[in-house]
PDB file of N, CA and C in Angstrom:
ATOM      1  N   UNK A   1      76.217  31.468  86.392  1.00  0.00           N
ATOM      2  CA  UNK A   1      77.324  30.611  86.752  1.00  0.00           C
ATOM      3  C   UNK A   1      78.639  31.156  86.210  1.00  0.00           C
ATOM      4  N   UNK A   2      78.599  31.646  84.960  1.00  0.00           N
ATOM      5  CA  UNK A   2      79.811  32.169  84.359  1.00  0.00           C
ATOM      6  C   UNK A   2      80.278  33.431  85.079  1.00  0.00           C
ATOM      7  N   UNK A   3      79.329  34.190  85.660  1.00  0.00           N
ATOM      8  CA  UNK A   3      79.671  35.401  86.388  1.00  0.00           C
ATOM      9  C   UNK A   3      80.530  35.067  87.618  1.00  0.00           C
ATOM     10  N   UNK A   4      80.228  33.988  88.304  1.00  0.00           N
ATOM     11  CA  UNK A   4      80.991  33.577  89.481  1.00  0.00           C
ATOM     12  C   UNK A   4      82.403  33.159  89.080  1.00  0.00           C
ATOM     13  N   UNK A   5      82.522  32.400  88.013  1.00  0.00           N
ATOM     14  CA  UNK A   5      83.844  31.973  87.541  1.00  0.00           C
ATOM     15  C   UNK A   5      84.658  33.192  87.113  1.00  0.00           C
ATOM     16  N   UNK A   6      84.035  34.123  86.403  1.00  0.00           N
ATOM     17  CA  UNK A   6      84.726  35.330  85.970  1.00  0.00           C
ATOM     18  C   UNK A   6      85.169  36.164  87.178  1.00  0.00           C
ATOM     19  N   UNK A   7      84.347  36.233  88.231  1.00  0.00           N
ATOM     20  CA  UNK A   7      84.708  36.972  89.440  1.00  0.00           C
ATOM     21  C   UNK A   7      85.917  36.352  90.123  1.00  0.00           C
ATOM     22  N   UNK A   8      85.993  35.035  90.139  1.00  0.00           N
ATOM     23  CA  UNK A   8      87.126  34.348  90.741  1.00  0.00           C
ATOM     24  C   UNK A   8      88.400  34.611  89.940  1.00  0.00           C
ATOM     25  N   UNK A   9      88.320  34.567  88.627  1.00  0.00           N
ATOM     26  CA  UNK A   9      89.494  34.798  87.784  1.00  0.00           C
ATOM     27  C   UNK A   9      89.984  36.233  87.944  1.00  0.00           C
ATOM     28  N   UNK A  10      89.078  37.193  87.853  1.00  0.00           N
ATOM     29  CA  UNK A  10      89.463  38.597  88.011  1.00  0.00           C
ATOM     30  C   UNK A  10      89.960  38.845  89.431  1.00  0.00           C
ATOM     31  N   UNK A  11      89.339  38.240  90.422  1.00  0.00           N
ATOM     32  CA  UNK A  11      89.786  38.383  91.805  1.00  0.00           C
ATOM     33  C   UNK A  11      91.193  37.864  92.009  1.00  0.00           C
ATOM     34  N   UNK A  12      91.529  36.758  91.363  1.00  0.00           N
ATOM     35  CA  UNK A  12      92.878  36.222  91.482  1.00  0.00           C
ATOM     36  C   UNK A  12      93.890  37.169  90.849  1.00  0.00           C
ATOM     37  N   UNK A  13      93.562  37.711  89.678  1.00  0.00           N
ATOM     38  CA  UNK A  13      94.474  38.649  89.010  1.00  0.00           C
ATOM     39  C   UNK A  13      94.642  39.920  89.843  1.00  0.00           C
ATOM     40  N   UNK A  14      93.554  40.448  90.366  1.00  0.00           N
ATOM     41  CA  UNK A  14      93.623  41.643  91.209  1.00  0.00           C
ATOM     42  C   UNK A  14      94.424  41.355  92.475  1.00  0.00           C
ATOM     43  N   UNK A  15      94.231  40.180  93.063  1.00  0.00           N
ATOM     44  CA  UNK A  15      95.002  39.796  94.248  1.00  0.00           C
ATOM     45  C   UNK A  15      96.490  39.683  93.953  1.00  0.00           C
ATOM     46  N   UNK A  16      96.840  39.134  92.804  1.00  0.00           N
ATOM     47  CA  UNK A  16      98.250  39.060  92.415  1.00  0.00           C
ATOM     48  C   UNK A  16      98.850  40.444  92.215  1.00  0.00           C
ATOM     49  N   UNK A  17      98.113  41.323  91.566  1.00  0.00           N
ATOM     50  CA  UNK A  17      98.612  42.685  91.361  1.00  0.00           C
ATOM     51  C   UNK A  17      98.785  43.392  92.704  1.00  0.00           C
ATOM     52  N   UNK A  18      97.843  43.221  93.613  1.00  0.00           N
ATOM     53  CA  UNK A  18      97.932  43.847  94.933  1.00  0.00           C
ATOM     54  C   UNK A  18      99.128  43.310  95.712  1.00  0.00           C
ATOM     55  N   UNK A  19      99.365  42.010  95.646  1.00  0.00           N
ATOM     56  CA  UNK A  19     100.524  41.436  96.330  1.00  0.00           C
ATOM     57  C   UNK A  19     101.820  41.913  95.697  1.00  0.00           C
ATOM     58  N   UNK A  20     101.823  42.180  94.403  1.00  0.00           N
ATOM     59  CA  UNK A  20     103.012  42.674  93.716  1.00  0.00           C
ATOM     60  C   UNK A  20     103.299  44.128  94.101  1.00  0.00           C
ATOM     61  N   UNK A  21     102.246  44.927  94.298  1.00  0.00           N
ATOM     62  CA  UNK A  21     102.415  46.338  94.648  1.00  0.00           C
ATOM     63  C   UNK A  21     102.913  46.505  96.076  1.00  0.00           C
ATOM     64  N   UNK A  22     102.382  45.728  97.002  1.00  0.00           N
ATOM     65  CA  UNK A  22     102.742  45.851  98.417  1.00  0.00           C
ATOM     66  C   UNK A  22     104.120  45.235  98.628  1.00  0.00           C
ATOM     67  N   UNK A  23     105.065  46.002  99.189  1.00  0.00           N
ATOM     68  CA  UNK A  23     106.409  45.453  99.405  1.00  0.00           C
ATOM     69  C   UNK A  23     106.430  44.429 100.529  1.00  0.00           C
ATOM     70  N   UNK A  24     107.355  43.495 100.435  1.00  0.00           N
ATOM     71  CA  UNK A  24     107.507  42.469 101.452  1.00  0.00           C
ATOM     72  C   UNK A  24     106.907  41.155 101.016  1.00  0.00           C
ATOM     73  N   UNK A  25     107.243  40.126 101.764  1.00  0.00           N
ATOM     74  CA  UNK A  25     106.772  38.776 101.445  1.00  0.00           C
ATOM     75  C   UNK A  25     105.404  38.539 102.091  1.00  0.00           C
ATOM     76  N   UNK A  26     104.487  38.075 101.292  1.00  0.00           N
ATOM     77  CA  UNK A  26     103.161  37.701 101.775  1.00  0.00           C
ATOM     78  C   UNK A  26     103.047  36.187 101.672  1.00  0.00           C
ATOM     79  N   UNK A  27     102.709  35.557 102.753  1.00  0.00           N
ATOM     80  CA  UNK A  27     102.575  34.103 102.762  1.00  0.00           C
ATOM     81  C   UNK A  27     101.101  33.733 102.602  1.00  0.00           C
ATOM     82  N   UNK A  28     100.619  33.945 101.393  1.00  0.00           N
ATOM     83  CA  UNK A  28      99.232  33.627 101.065  1.00  0.00           C
ATOM     84  C   UNK A  28      99.222  32.590  99.966  1.00  0.00           C
ATOM     85  N   UNK A  29      98.302  31.693 100.046  1.00  0.00           N
ATOM     86  CA  UNK A  29      98.128  30.712  98.998  1.00  0.00           C
ATOM     87  C   UNK A  29      97.167  31.207  97.928  1.00  0.00           C
ATOM     88  N   UNK A  30      96.808  30.289  97.054  1.00  0.00           N
ATOM     89  CA  UNK A  30      95.904  30.611  95.946  1.00  0.00           C
ATOM     90  C   UNK A  30      94.553  31.086  96.451  1.00  0.00           C
ATOM     91  N   UNK A  31      93.997  30.405  97.436  1.00  0.00           N
ATOM     92  CA  UNK A  31      92.658  30.731  97.921  1.00  0.00           C
ATOM     93  C   UNK A  31      92.649  32.085  98.625  1.00  0.00           C
ATOM     94  N   UNK A  32      93.661  32.361  99.449  1.00  0.00           N
ATOM     95  CA  UNK A  32      93.716  33.643 100.153  1.00  0.00           C
ATOM     96  C   UNK A  32      93.958  34.793  99.179  1.00  0.00           C
ATOM     97  N   UNK A  33      94.811  34.587  98.186  1.00  0.00           N
ATOM     98  CA  UNK A  33      95.049  35.616  97.170  1.00  0.00           C
ATOM     99  C   UNK A  33      93.772  35.911  96.401  1.00  0.00           C
ATOM    100  N   UNK A  34      93.038  34.870  96.055  1.00  0.00           N
ATOM    101  CA  UNK A  34      91.774  35.045  95.342  1.00  0.00           C
ATOM    102  C   UNK A  34      90.749  35.748  96.221  1.00  0.00           C
ATOM    103  N   UNK A  35      90.684  35.375  97.500  1.00  0.00           N
ATOM    104  CA  UNK A  35      89.728  36.006  98.416  1.00  0.00           C
ATOM    105  C   UNK A  35      90.035  37.495  98.588  1.00  0.00           C
ATOM    106  N   UNK A  36      91.321  37.830  98.727  1.00  0.00           N
ATOM    107  CA  UNK A  36      91.711  39.239  98.845  1.00  0.00           C
ATOM    108  C   UNK A  36      91.308  39.998  97.583  1.00  0.00           C
ATOM    109  N   UNK A  37      91.538  39.400  96.423  1.00  0.00           N
ATOM    110  CA  UNK A  37      91.182  40.046  95.167  1.00  0.00           C
ATOM    111  C   UNK A  37      89.688  40.218  94.995  1.00  0.00           C
ATOM    112  N   UNK A  38      88.918  39.199  95.359  1.00  0.00           N
ATOM    113  CA  UNK A  38      87.457  39.279  95.208  1.00  0.00           C
ATOM    114  C   UNK A  38      86.878  40.322  96.162  1.00  0.00           C
ATOM    115  N   UNK A  39      87.313  40.309  97.412  1.00  0.00           N
ATOM    116  CA  UNK A  39      86.806  41.298  98.377  1.00  0.00           C
ATOM    117  C   UNK A  39      87.255  42.699  97.969  1.00  0.00           C
ATOM    118  N   UNK A  40      88.510  42.829  97.541  1.00  0.00           N
ATOM    119  CA  UNK A  40      88.982  44.125  97.062  1.00  0.00           C
ATOM    120  C   UNK A  40      88.211  44.583  95.842  1.00  0.00           C
ATOM    121  N   UNK A  41      87.844  43.664  94.972  1.00  0.00           N
ATOM    122  CA  UNK A  41      87.061  44.013  93.783  1.00  0.00           C
ATOM    123  C   UNK A  41      85.659  44.475  94.153  1.00  0.00           C
ATOM    124  N   UNK A  42      85.068  43.820  95.116  1.00  0.00           N
ATOM    125  CA  UNK A  42      83.716  44.218  95.538  1.00  0.00           C
ATOM    126  C   UNK A  42      83.745  45.613  96.156  1.00  0.00           C
ATOM    127  N   UNK A  43      84.683  45.835  97.078  1.00  0.00           N
ATOM    128  CA  UNK A  43      84.772  47.132  97.741  1.00  0.00           C
ATOM    129  C   UNK A  43      85.195  48.216  96.750  1.00  0.00           C
ATOM    130  N   UNK A  44      86.252  47.941  95.993  1.00  0.00           N
ATOM    131  CA  UNK A  44      86.744  48.926  95.035  1.00  0.00           C
ATOM    132  C   UNK A  44      85.768  49.192  93.912  1.00  0.00           C
ATOM    133  N   UNK A  45      85.093  48.162  93.443  1.00  0.00           N
ATOM    134  CA  UNK A  45      84.087  48.362  92.399  1.00  0.00           C
ATOM    135  C   UNK A  45      82.934  49.216  92.876  1.00  0.00           C
ATOM    136  N   UNK A  46      82.543  49.029  94.124  1.00  0.00           N
ATOM    137  CA  UNK A  46      81.482  49.858  94.689  1.00  0.00           C
ATOM    138  C   UNK A  46      81.931  51.309  94.768  1.00  0.00           C
ATOM    139  N   UNK A  47      83.158  51.542  95.237  1.00  0.00           N
ATOM    140  CA  UNK A  47      83.679  52.906  95.326  1.00  0.00           C
ATOM    141  C   UNK A  47      83.842  53.500  93.929  1.00  0.00           C
ATOM    142  N   UNK A  48      84.286  52.687  92.966  1.00  0.00           N
ATOM    143  CA  UNK A  48      84.442  53.169  91.595  1.00  0.00           C
ATOM    144  C   UNK A  48      83.136  53.606  90.964  1.00  0.00           C
ATOM    145  N   UNK A  49      82.060  52.902  91.264  1.00  0.00           N
ATOM    146  CA  UNK A  49      80.763  53.293  90.699  1.00  0.00           C
ATOM    147  C   UNK A  49      80.213  54.550  91.360  1.00  0.00           C
ATOM    148  N   UNK A  50      80.693  54.870  92.565  1.00  0.00           N
ATOM    149  CA  UNK A  50      80.275  56.128  93.184  1.00  0.00           C
ATOM    150  C   UNK A  50      80.859  57.326  92.444  1.00  0.00           C
ATOM    151  N   UNK A  51      82.075  57.177  91.894  1.00  0.00           N
ATOM    152  CA  UNK A  51      82.719  58.261  91.161  1.00  0.00           C
ATOM    153  C   UNK A  51      82.165  58.411  89.745  1.00  0.00           C
ATOM    154  N   UNK A  52      82.024  57.293  89.053  1.00  0.00           N
ATOM    155  CA  UNK A  52      81.561  57.356  87.666  1.00  0.00           C
ATOM    156  C   UNK A  52      80.770  56.093  87.371  1.00  0.00           C
ATOM    157  N   UNK A  53      79.555  56.298  86.959  1.00  0.00           N
ATOM    158  CA  UNK A  53      78.696  55.171  86.600  1.00  0.00           C
ATOM    159  C   UNK A  53      79.119  54.630  85.237  1.00  0.00           C
ATOM    160  N   UNK A  54      79.148  53.306  85.074  1.00  0.00           N
ATOM    161  CA  UNK A  54      79.477  52.756  83.754  1.00  0.00           C
ATOM    162  C   UNK A  54      78.346  53.015  82.760  1.00  0.00           C
ATOM    163  N   UNK A  55      78.711  53.116  81.508  1.00  0.00           N
ATOM    164  CA  UNK A  55      77.721  53.306  80.452  1.00  0.00           C
ATOM    165  C   UNK A  55      76.853  52.055  80.336  1.00  0.00           C
ATOM    166  N   UNK A  56      75.599  52.191  79.962  1.00  0.00           N
ATOM    167  CA  UNK A  56      74.740  51.012  79.798  1.00  0.00           C
ATOM    168  C   UNK A  56      75.311  50.060  78.736  1.00  0.00           C
ATOM    169  N   UNK A  57      75.418  48.806  79.084  1.00  0.00           N
ATOM    170  CA  UNK A  57      75.927  47.790  78.170  1.00  0.00           C
ATOM    171  C   UNK A  57      77.436  47.678  78.144  1.00  0.00           C
ATOM    172  N   UNK A  58      78.129  48.469  78.956  1.00  0.00           N
ATOM    173  CA  UNK A  58      79.581  48.427  78.982  1.00  0.00           C
ATOM    174  C   UNK A  58      80.052  47.193  79.748  1.00  0.00           C
ATOM    175  N   UNK A  59      80.979  46.446  79.163  1.00  0.00           N
ATOM    176  CA  UNK A  59      81.456  45.215  79.780  1.00  0.00           C
ATOM    177  C   UNK A  59      82.589  45.466  80.767  1.00  0.00           C
ATOM    178  N   UNK A  60      83.423  46.470  80.507  1.00  0.00           N
ATOM    179  CA  UNK A  60      84.598  46.729  81.329  1.00  0.00           C
ATOM    180  C   UNK A  60      84.550  48.159  81.839  1.00  0.00           C
ATOM    181  N   UNK A  61      84.696  48.341  83.138  1.00  0.00           N
ATOM    182  CA  UNK A  61      84.664  49.649  83.762  1.00  0.00           C
ATOM    183  C   UNK A  61      86.049  49.937  84.331  1.00  0.00           C
ATOM    184  N   UNK A  62      86.774  50.871  83.697  1.00  0.00           N
ATOM    185  CA  UNK A  62      88.161  51.149  84.072  1.00  0.00           C
ATOM    186  C   UNK A  62      88.269  51.635  85.509  1.00  0.00           C
ATOM    187  N   UNK A  63      87.419  52.546  85.925  1.00  0.00           N
ATOM    188  CA  UNK A  63      87.472  53.059  87.289  1.00  0.00           C
ATOM    189  C   UNK A  63      87.218  51.937  88.294  1.00  0.00           C
ATOM    190  N   UNK A  64      86.330  51.034  87.980  1.00  0.00           N
ATOM    191  CA  UNK A  64      86.055  49.905  88.864  1.00  0.00           C
ATOM    192  C   UNK A  64      87.245  48.977  88.982  1.00  0.00           C
ATOM    193  N   UNK A  65      87.954  48.750  87.877  1.00  0.00           N
ATOM    194  CA  UNK A  65      89.124  47.865  87.908  1.00  0.00           C
ATOM    195  C   UNK A  65      90.250  48.497  88.716  1.00  0.00           C
ATOM    196  N   UNK A  66      90.504  49.781  88.502  1.00  0.00           N
ATOM    197  CA  UNK A  66      91.570  50.455  89.246  1.00  0.00           C
ATOM    198  C   UNK A  66      91.236  50.527  90.737  1.00  0.00           C
ATOM    199  N   UNK A  67      89.991  50.795  91.040  1.00  0.00           N
ATOM    200  CA  UNK A  67      89.592  50.835  92.446  1.00  0.00           C
ATOM    201  C   UNK A  67      89.602  49.437  93.067  1.00  0.00           C
ATOM    202  N   UNK A  68      89.396  48.401  92.262  1.00  0.00           N
ATOM    203  CA  UNK A  68      89.500  47.037  92.763  1.00  0.00           C
ATOM    204  C   UNK A  68      90.914  46.758  93.221  1.00  0.00           C
ATOM    205  N   UNK A  69      91.881  47.197  92.431  1.00  0.00           N
ATOM    206  CA  UNK A  69      93.280  47.006  92.813  1.00  0.00           C
ATOM    207  C   UNK A  69      93.588  47.801  94.082  1.00  0.00           C
ATOM    208  N   UNK A  70      93.112  49.038  94.150  1.00  0.00           N
ATOM    209  CA  UNK A  70      93.336  49.856  95.338  1.00  0.00           C
ATOM    210  C   UNK A  70      92.685  49.225  96.571  1.00  0.00           C
ATOM    211  N   UNK A  71      91.478  48.719  96.426  1.00  0.00           N
ATOM    212  CA  UNK A  71      90.808  48.049  97.543  1.00  0.00           C
ATOM    213  C   UNK A  71      91.559  46.807  97.995  1.00  0.00           C
ATOM    214  N   UNK A  72      92.110  46.043  97.061  1.00  0.00           N
ATOM    215  CA  UNK A  72      92.870  44.842  97.419  1.00  0.00           C
ATOM    216  C   UNK A  72      94.188  45.208  98.095  1.00  0.00           C
ATOM    217  N   UNK A  73      94.833  46.291  97.648  1.00  0.00           N
ATOM    218  CA  UNK A  73      96.075  46.734  98.294  1.00  0.00           C
ATOM    219  C   UNK A  73      95.798  47.139  99.739  1.00  0.00           C
ATOM    220  N   UNK A  74      94.732  47.880  99.957  1.00  0.00           N
ATOM    221  CA  UNK A  74      94.362  48.269 101.319  1.00  0.00           C
ATOM    222  C   UNK A  74      94.066  47.035 102.160  1.00  0.00           C
ATOM    223  N   UNK A  75      93.398  46.062 101.585  1.00  0.00           N
ATOM    224  CA  UNK A  75      93.088  44.834 102.312  1.00  0.00           C
ATOM    225  C   UNK A  75      94.352  44.050 102.655  1.00  0.00           C
ATOM    226  N   UNK A  76      95.332  44.009 101.759  1.00  0.00           N
ATOM    227  CA  UNK A  76      96.599  43.324 102.049  1.00  0.00           C
ATOM    228  C   UNK A  76      97.309  44.010 103.217  1.00  0.00           C
ATOM    229  N   UNK A  77      97.323  45.358 103.213  1.00  0.00           N
ATOM    230  CA  UNK A  77      97.922  46.084 104.338  1.00  0.00           C
ATOM    231  C   UNK A  77      97.182  45.807 105.637  1.00  0.00           C
ATOM    232  N   UNK A  78      95.852  45.754 105.583  1.00  0.00           N
ATOM    233  CA  UNK A  78      95.079  45.458 106.791  1.00  0.00           C
ATOM    234  C   UNK A  78      95.365  44.046 107.301  1.00  0.00           C
ATOM    235  N   UNK A  79      95.448  43.094 106.399  1.00  0.00           N
ATOM    236  CA  UNK A  79      95.756  41.716 106.808  1.00  0.00           C
ATOM    237  C   UNK A  79      97.150  41.632 107.420  1.00  0.00           C
ATOM    238  N   UNK A  80      98.098  42.355 106.853  1.00  0.00           N
ATOM    239  CA  UNK A  80      99.452  42.367 107.412  1.00  0.00           C
ATOM    240  C   UNK A  80      99.431  42.986 108.818  1.00  0.00           C
ATOM    241  N   UNK A  81      98.671  44.054 108.998  1.00  0.00           N
ATOM    242  CA  UNK A  81      98.586  44.723 110.297  1.00  0.00           C
ATOM    243  C   UNK A  81      97.920  43.818 111.344  1.00  0.00           C
ATOM    244  N   UNK A  82      96.895  43.097 110.935  1.00  0.00           N
ATOM    245  CA  UNK A  82      96.178  42.232 111.868  1.00  0.00           C
ATOM    246  C   UNK A  82      97.031  41.027 112.282  1.00  0.00           C
ATOM    247  N   UNK A  83      97.816  40.488 111.359  1.00  0.00           N
ATOM    248  CA  UNK A  83      98.603  39.289 111.641  1.00  0.00           C
ATOM    249  C   UNK A  83      99.803  39.563 112.532  1.00  0.00           C
ATOM    250  N   UNK A  84     100.220  40.817 112.670  1.00  0.00           N
ATOM    251  CA  UNK A  84     101.403  41.127 113.500  1.00  0.00           C
ATOM    252  C   UNK A  84     101.041  41.235 114.933  1.00  0.00           C
TER     253      UNK A  84
END
């Protein structure tokens, strides 16, 4: 249960960072920002683990976090492209 709550919190932070990086106004609410962050985290985390596997017992994976932000930025651009 705590894993789901933690995913939502990290997803919201990643979504905020992605919206801050992408120029222009994004008309997304809390739920859409969180969804973009969570999906970006899943995609980016998967890509990050392809490059470097986390050490056993490691709580924080830097490559996964950076790739989560990159995945969310790409998703924000895709959403902007689809909405136009």
